[in-house]
Amino acid sequence: MKLHDYITGHLGRPFEWGKHDCVLFAVGWLEQTTGRDFLGPYKPWGSAIEAARKVAKAGGLDLLFDQQLAPINPHRAVDGDLAIIRGTAYLFSGAHVVSVGEEGLVFKDRLEAAYAWSHQIQKEEA
């Protein structure tokens, strides 16, 4: 599957904690391309509070990504790489980063990303 097909497949899909939220959208792309379950021990969640607790248990979203993916300079990110902007997980796509928000897909300028991780370089499982 190509990234644009993945993103397009989420158009019009309603936001739902634990089924269609920012983290599952971003990590879902990784799982689609690698076949690897990146969030297994932290799923499921059904609310913002549950999601926040599980992310906190992991040490934060950035630490969770650091443990499994290679951090990169956001200016060198390519399509499909992950970013976090103000606590929300995004995917790089062209001149933008895209995520899932309560009103649908959210697009921001890619220059807003201060942190990024490569979708192509996964760290070995411990």
C-alpha atoms as a PDB file:
ATOM      1  CA  MET A   1       0.000   0.000   0.000  1.00  0.00           C
ATOM      2  CA  LYS A   2       1.227   3.500  -0.787  1.00  0.00           C
ATOM      3  CA  LEU A   3       1.124   6.295   1.787  1.00  0.00           C
ATOM      4  CA  HIS A   4      -1.359   8.383  -0.184  1.00  0.00           C
ATOM      5  CA  ASP A   5      -3.725   5.379  -0.325  1.00  0.00           C
ATOM      6  CA  TYR A   6      -3.345   4.905   3.424  1.00  0.00           C
ATOM      7  CA  ILE A   7      -4.126   8.576   4.113  1.00  0.00           C
ATOM      8  CA  THR A   8      -7.014   8.682   1.640  1.00  0.00           C
ATOM      9  CA  GLY A   9      -8.463   5.569   3.263  1.00  0.00           C
ATOM     10  CA  HIS A  10      -8.865   7.571   6.476  1.00  0.00           C
ATOM     11  CA  LEU A  11     -10.756  10.482   4.918  1.00  0.00           C
ATOM     12  CA  GLY A  12     -14.225  10.766   6.361  1.00  0.00           C
ATOM     13  CA  ARG A  13     -13.545   8.197   9.051  1.00  0.00           C
ATOM     14  CA  PRO A  14     -14.711   9.513  12.425  1.00  0.00           C
ATOM     15  CA  PHE A  15     -12.288  10.040  15.285  1.00  0.00           C
ATOM     16  CA  GLU A  16     -12.582   7.382  17.975  1.00  0.00           C
ATOM     17  CA  TRP A  17     -10.222   6.793  20.882  1.00  0.00           C
ATOM     18  CA  GLY A  18      -8.527   3.417  20.583  1.00  0.00           C
ATOM     19  CA  LYS A  19      -9.827   2.797  17.065  1.00  0.00           C
ATOM     20  CA  HIS A  20      -9.055   5.879  14.977  1.00  0.00           C
ATOM     21  CA  ASP A  21      -6.934   8.410  16.850  1.00  0.00           C
ATOM     22  CA  CYS A  22      -3.612  10.128  16.160  1.00  0.00           C
ATOM     23  CA  VAL A  23      -1.383   7.420  17.601  1.00  0.00           C
ATOM     24  CA  LEU A  24      -3.160   4.541  15.905  1.00  0.00           C
ATOM     25  CA  PHE A  25      -3.152   6.450  12.617  1.00  0.00           C
ATOM     26  CA  ALA A  26       0.601   7.129  12.700  1.00  0.00           C
ATOM     27  CA  VAL A  27       1.623   3.733  14.055  1.00  0.00           C
ATOM     28  CA  GLY A  28      -0.934   2.043  11.809  1.00  0.00           C
ATOM     29  CA  TRP A  29       1.151   3.118   8.819  1.00  0.00           C
ATOM     30  CA  LEU A  30       4.211   1.450  10.356  1.00  0.00           C
ATOM     31  CA  GLU A  31       2.270  -1.706  11.071  1.00  0.00           C
ATOM     32  CA  GLN A  32       0.891  -1.707   7.516  1.00  0.00           C
ATOM     33  CA  THR A  33       4.357  -1.434   5.993  1.00  0.00           C
ATOM     34  CA  THR A  34       6.266  -3.718   8.396  1.00  0.00           C
ATOM     35  CA  GLY A  35       3.671  -6.189   9.670  1.00  0.00           C
ATOM     36  CA  ARG A  36       4.989  -5.507  13.173  1.00  0.00           C
ATOM     37  CA  ASP A  37       2.759  -4.607  16.145  1.00  0.00           C
ATOM     38  CA  PHE A  38       4.341  -1.508  17.695  1.00  0.00           C
ATOM     39  CA  LEU A  39       1.754  -0.871  20.414  1.00  0.00           C
ATOM     40  CA  GLY A  40       0.748  -4.381  21.498  1.00  0.00           C
ATOM     41  CA  PRO A  41       1.380  -4.079  25.247  1.00  0.00           C
ATOM     42  CA  TYR A  42      -0.320  -0.664  25.408  1.00  0.00           C
ATOM     43  CA  LYS A  43      -3.578  -1.487  23.588  1.00  0.00           C
ATOM     44  CA  PRO A  44      -6.497  -1.160  23.924  1.00  0.00           C
ATOM     45  CA  TRP A  45      -7.777   2.181  25.156  1.00  0.00           C
ATOM     46  CA  GLY A  46     -11.235   3.642  24.814  1.00  0.00           C
ATOM     47  CA  SER A  47     -10.936   7.212  26.063  1.00  0.00           C
ATOM     48  CA  ALA A  48      -8.574  10.161  26.246  1.00  0.00           C
ATOM     49  CA  ILE A  49      -7.861   9.362  29.896  1.00  0.00           C
ATOM     50  CA  GLU A  50      -7.016   5.725  29.163  1.00  0.00           C
ATOM     51  CA  ALA A  51      -4.810   6.749  26.236  1.00  0.00           C
ATOM     52  CA  ALA A  52      -2.974   9.306  28.388  1.00  0.00           C
ATOM     53  CA  ARG A  53      -2.406   6.730  31.131  1.00  0.00           C
ATOM     54  CA  LYS A  54      -1.030   4.150  28.708  1.00  0.00           C
ATOM     55  CA  VAL A  55       1.230   6.690  27.010  1.00  0.00           C
ATOM     56  CA  ALA A  56       2.457   7.820  30.454  1.00  0.00           C
ATOM     57  CA  LYS A  57       3.101   4.178  31.414  1.00  0.00           C
ATOM     58  CA  ALA A  58       5.305   3.903  28.309  1.00  0.00           C
ATOM     59  CA  GLY A  59       7.252   6.972  29.480  1.00  0.00           C
ATOM     60  CA  GLY A  60       5.654   9.267  26.924  1.00  0.00           C
ATOM     61  CA  LEU A  61       4.984   9.017  23.227  1.00  0.00           C
ATOM     62  CA  ASP A  62       8.426  10.287  22.292  1.00  0.00           C
ATOM     63  CA  LEU A  63      10.141   7.655  24.462  1.00  0.00           C
ATOM     64  CA  LEU A  64       7.915   4.940  23.004  1.00  0.00           C
ATOM     65  CA  PHE A  65       8.977   6.005  19.502  1.00  0.00           C
ATOM     66  CA  ASP A  66      12.637   6.335  20.602  1.00  0.00           C
ATOM     67  CA  GLN A  67      12.620   2.741  21.851  1.00  0.00           C
ATOM     68  CA  GLN A  68      11.394   1.299  18.570  1.00  0.00           C
ATOM     69  CA  LEU A  69      12.392   3.744  15.814  1.00  0.00           C
ATOM     70  CA  ALA A  70      15.450   5.708  14.805  1.00  0.00           C
ATOM     71  CA  PRO A  71      15.192   9.422  15.662  1.00  0.00           C
ATOM     72  CA  ILE A  72      16.006  11.674  12.708  1.00  0.00           C
ATOM     73  CA  ASN A  73      16.293  15.361  11.971  1.00  0.00           C
ATOM     74  CA  PRO A  74      12.759  16.461  10.989  1.00  0.00           C
ATOM     75  CA  HIS A  75      14.216  18.457   8.089  1.00  0.00           C
ATOM     76  CA  ARG A  76      15.443  15.161   6.609  1.00  0.00           C
ATOM     77  CA  ALA A  77      12.164  13.298   7.103  1.00  0.00           C
ATOM     78  CA  VAL A  78      10.615  11.561   4.124  1.00  0.00           C
ATOM     79  CA  ASP A  79       7.036  10.578   3.441  1.00  0.00           C
ATOM     80  CA  GLY A  80       5.830   8.057   5.997  1.00  0.00           C
ATOM     81  CA  ASP A  81       8.165   9.127   8.778  1.00  0.00           C
ATOM     82  CA  LEU A  82       6.593   9.984  12.134  1.00  0.00           C
ATOM     83  CA  ALA A  83       6.502  13.258  14.050  1.00  0.00           C
ATOM     84  CA  ILE A  84       5.089  14.529  17.313  1.00  0.00           C
ATOM     85  CA  ILE A  85       3.756  18.074  17.500  1.00  0.00           C
ATOM     86  CA  ARG A  86       2.376  19.256  20.837  1.00  0.00           C
ATOM     87  CA  GLY A  87       1.621  15.694  21.976  1.00  0.00           C
ATOM     88  CA  THR A  88      -0.032  14.591  18.731  1.00  0.00           C
ATOM     89  CA  ALA A  89       1.451  11.919  16.449  1.00  0.00           C
ATOM     90  CA  TYR A  90       1.703  12.764  12.747  1.00  0.00           C
ATOM     91  CA  LEU A  91       2.946  11.245   9.491  1.00  0.00           C
ATOM     92  CA  PHE A  92       5.098  13.222   7.067  1.00  0.00           C
ATOM     93  CA  SER A  93       3.463  13.559   3.656  1.00  0.00           C
ATOM     94  CA  GLY A  94       4.890  15.964   1.101  1.00  0.00           C
ATOM     95  CA  ALA A  95       4.975  19.530   2.422  1.00  0.00           C
ATOM     96  CA  HIS A  96       2.781  18.546   5.362  1.00  0.00           C
ATOM     97  CA  VAL A  97       2.398  16.309   8.340  1.00  0.00           C
ATOM     98  CA  VAL A  98      -0.991  14.634   8.710  1.00  0.00           C
ATOM     99  CA  SER A  99      -2.823  13.235  11.702  1.00  0.00           C
ATOM    100  CA  VAL A 100      -6.303  12.397  12.901  1.00  0.00           C
ATOM    101  CA  GLY A 101      -8.230  14.964  14.897  1.00  0.00           C
ATOM    102  CA  GLU A 102     -11.736  15.075  16.254  1.00  0.00           C
ATOM    103  CA  GLU A 103     -12.933  16.824  13.086  1.00  0.00           C
ATOM    104  CA  GLY A 104     -11.126  14.469  10.663  1.00  0.00           C
ATOM    105  CA  LEU A 105      -7.664  14.547   9.154  1.00  0.00           C
ATOM    106  CA  VAL A 106      -5.437  17.418  10.275  1.00  0.00           C
ATOM    107  CA  PHE A 107      -2.708  18.805   8.014  1.00  0.00           C
ATOM    108  CA  LYS A 108       0.072  21.050   9.307  1.00  0.00           C
ATOM    109  CA  ASP A 109       3.176  22.478   7.701  1.00  0.00           C
ATOM    110  CA  ARG A 110       5.997  19.947   8.058  1.00  0.00           C
ATOM    111  CA  LEU A 111       8.241  22.693   9.467  1.00  0.00           C
ATOM    112  CA  GLU A 112       6.209  22.582  12.710  1.00  0.00           C
ATOM    113  CA  ALA A 113       7.722  19.178  13.522  1.00  0.00           C
ATOM    114  CA  ALA A 114      10.522  19.469  16.077  1.00  0.00           C
ATOM    115  CA  TYR A 115      10.960  15.694  16.516  1.00  0.00           C
ATOM    116  CA  ALA A 116      10.856  12.912  13.933  1.00  0.00           C
ATOM    117  CA  TRP A 117      11.463   9.182  13.575  1.00  0.00           C
ATOM    118  CA  SER A 118      12.214   7.130  10.503  1.00  0.00           C
ATOM    119  CA  HIS A 119       9.570   4.659   9.417  1.00  0.00           C
ATOM    120  CA  GLN A 120      12.270   2.742   7.562  1.00  0.00           C
ATOM    121  CA  ILE A 121      14.655   2.045  10.448  1.00  0.00           C
ATOM    122  CA  GLN A 122      13.193   0.039  13.306  1.00  0.00           C
ATOM    123  CA  LYS A 123      15.271  -0.861  16.301  1.00  0.00           C
ATOM    124  CA  GLU A 124      15.671  -4.533  17.112  1.00  0.00           C
ATOM    125  CA  GLU A 125      13.165  -5.945  19.562  1.00  0.00           C
ATOM    126  CA  ALA A 126      14.648  -6.541  22.981  1.00  0.00           C
END
